[in-house]
Amino acid sequence: LGYEIPCDDKAAMAEMCAVAQGLSTPEVVLRFKSAITEETAASERSDVLKSLYTVVSEVFGEQFARENILDLAAEYGA
């Protein structure tokens, strides 16, 4: 979709989640991983991951967030 996170604030992540709601689960996870690993500086990934976990929990539910964001933190380099 050409969407890029301009910063790590909650509003930008909520917007990304809104875009992601129209995708299948594997596509959503792939886009989150891409945003974290390719569009975020390594030094900021931990903070971005925490914010993304919070927003994803609200949008997709806590179990989805735990399985697809928190449990993959090491893979995301955070």
Protein backbone atom coordinates (compact mmCIF):
# COMPACT_ATOMS: atom_id res chain seq x y z
CA LEU A 1 0.00 0.00 0.00
CA GLY A 2 3.04 2.24 0.19
CA TYR A 3 2.30 3.23 3.79
CA GLU A 4 5.24 4.35 5.91
CA ILE A 5 5.27 5.18 9.60
CA PRO A 6 6.46 8.80 9.81
CA CYS A 7 7.27 8.53 13.52
CA ASP A 8 6.70 6.18 16.42
CA ASP A 9 3.72 7.93 17.96
CA LYS A 10 0.50 6.15 18.80
CA ALA A 11 -1.56 7.96 16.16
CA ALA A 12 0.69 6.78 13.33
CA MET A 13 0.53 3.20 14.58
CA ALA A 14 -3.24 3.36 14.98
CA GLU A 15 -3.44 4.52 11.37
CA MET A 16 -1.24 1.62 10.27
CA CYS A 17 -3.48 -0.78 12.21
CA ALA A 18 -6.54 0.67 10.49
CA VAL A 19 -4.89 0.02 7.12
CA ALA A 20 -3.89 -3.47 8.26
CA GLN A 21 -7.44 -4.44 9.21
CA GLY A 22 -8.18 -5.03 5.53
CA LEU A 23 -5.31 -7.52 5.17
CA SER A 24 -5.04 -11.20 6.01
CA THR A 25 -3.25 -12.12 9.25
CA PRO A 26 0.04 -13.13 7.53
CA GLU A 27 0.03 -9.87 5.56
CA VAL A 28 -0.61 -7.85 8.74
CA VAL A 29 2.26 -9.52 10.56
CA LEU A 30 4.57 -9.07 7.58
CA ARG A 31 3.76 -5.35 7.39
CA PHE A 32 4.31 -4.86 11.12
CA LYS A 33 7.63 -6.69 10.90
CA SER A 34 8.66 -4.61 7.90
CA ALA A 35 7.74 -1.38 9.67
CA ILE A 36 9.73 -2.35 12.74
CA THR A 37 12.79 -3.85 11.08
CA GLU A 38 13.10 -1.71 7.96
CA GLU A 39 11.61 1.65 8.90
CA THR A 40 12.73 2.02 12.50
CA ALA A 41 16.24 2.71 13.78
CA ALA A 42 17.58 -0.18 15.86
CA SER A 43 17.98 2.09 18.87
CA GLU A 44 14.26 2.95 18.78
CA ARG A 45 12.80 -0.52 18.14
CA SER A 46 12.09 -1.37 21.75
CA ASP A 47 10.03 1.79 22.26
CA VAL A 48 8.28 1.33 18.91
CA LEU A 49 7.51 -2.29 19.76
CA LYS A 50 5.94 -1.29 23.10
CA SER A 51 3.77 1.35 21.46
CA LEU A 52 2.81 -0.96 18.63
CA TYR A 53 1.90 -3.71 21.10
CA THR A 54 -0.43 -1.31 22.93
CA VAL A 55 -2.14 -0.15 19.75
CA VAL A 56 -2.38 -3.64 18.22
CA SER A 57 -3.91 -4.93 21.47
CA GLU A 58 -6.62 -2.30 21.21
CA VAL A 59 -7.28 -2.86 17.50
CA PHE A 60 -6.81 -6.62 17.08
CA GLY A 61 -6.99 -7.94 20.66
CA GLU A 62 -4.41 -8.85 23.27
CA GLN A 63 -3.89 -12.44 22.12
CA PHE A 64 -3.11 -11.35 18.56
CA ALA A 65 -0.71 -8.70 19.85
CA ARG A 66 1.05 -11.14 22.16
CA GLU A 67 1.44 -13.81 19.48
CA ASN A 68 2.39 -11.54 16.59
CA ILE A 69 4.19 -8.63 18.23
CA LEU A 70 5.46 -9.46 21.72
CA ASP A 71 6.46 -13.09 21.06
CA LEU A 72 8.44 -11.98 17.99
CA ALA A 73 10.36 -9.17 19.73
CA ALA A 74 13.72 -10.93 19.32
CA GLU A 75 13.03 -11.53 15.63
CA TYR A 76 12.22 -7.83 15.26
CA GLY A 77 15.53 -6.96 16.87
CA ALA A 78 13.87 -5.26 19.81
